């Protein structure tokens, strides 16, 4: 039986992300070594994709970045869904920008 998949503090990884992380040699072990907040950031970044193609690219990039030793996704403002802290200025700017564009962002 496979080990239970470790999720983030707020988000749970979708089956496609779980399968990708488990399928790339060494990535699952690195995934397990991330903090729950680190895993949460990667999951949130993948879940934030609006299009299937964007989601797939983010899943592939997640595996690459984890393989490179990154602990958080590159160029991501951070999870805005956490309730344990207020959004940062950067996150607030992203939220305001999205509201001005009808609640969506270009992917």
Foldseek 3Di string as FASTA:
>chain_A
DDDDQQAAPPDGADPVLVVLQVPDPPSSVLLVVAHSQLRHQLRQVLVQDPDPVVSVVSSVVSSVCSVVVDSHDPPGLGDCPDPPDHRDPVVVVVQVVCVVVVNHDDD
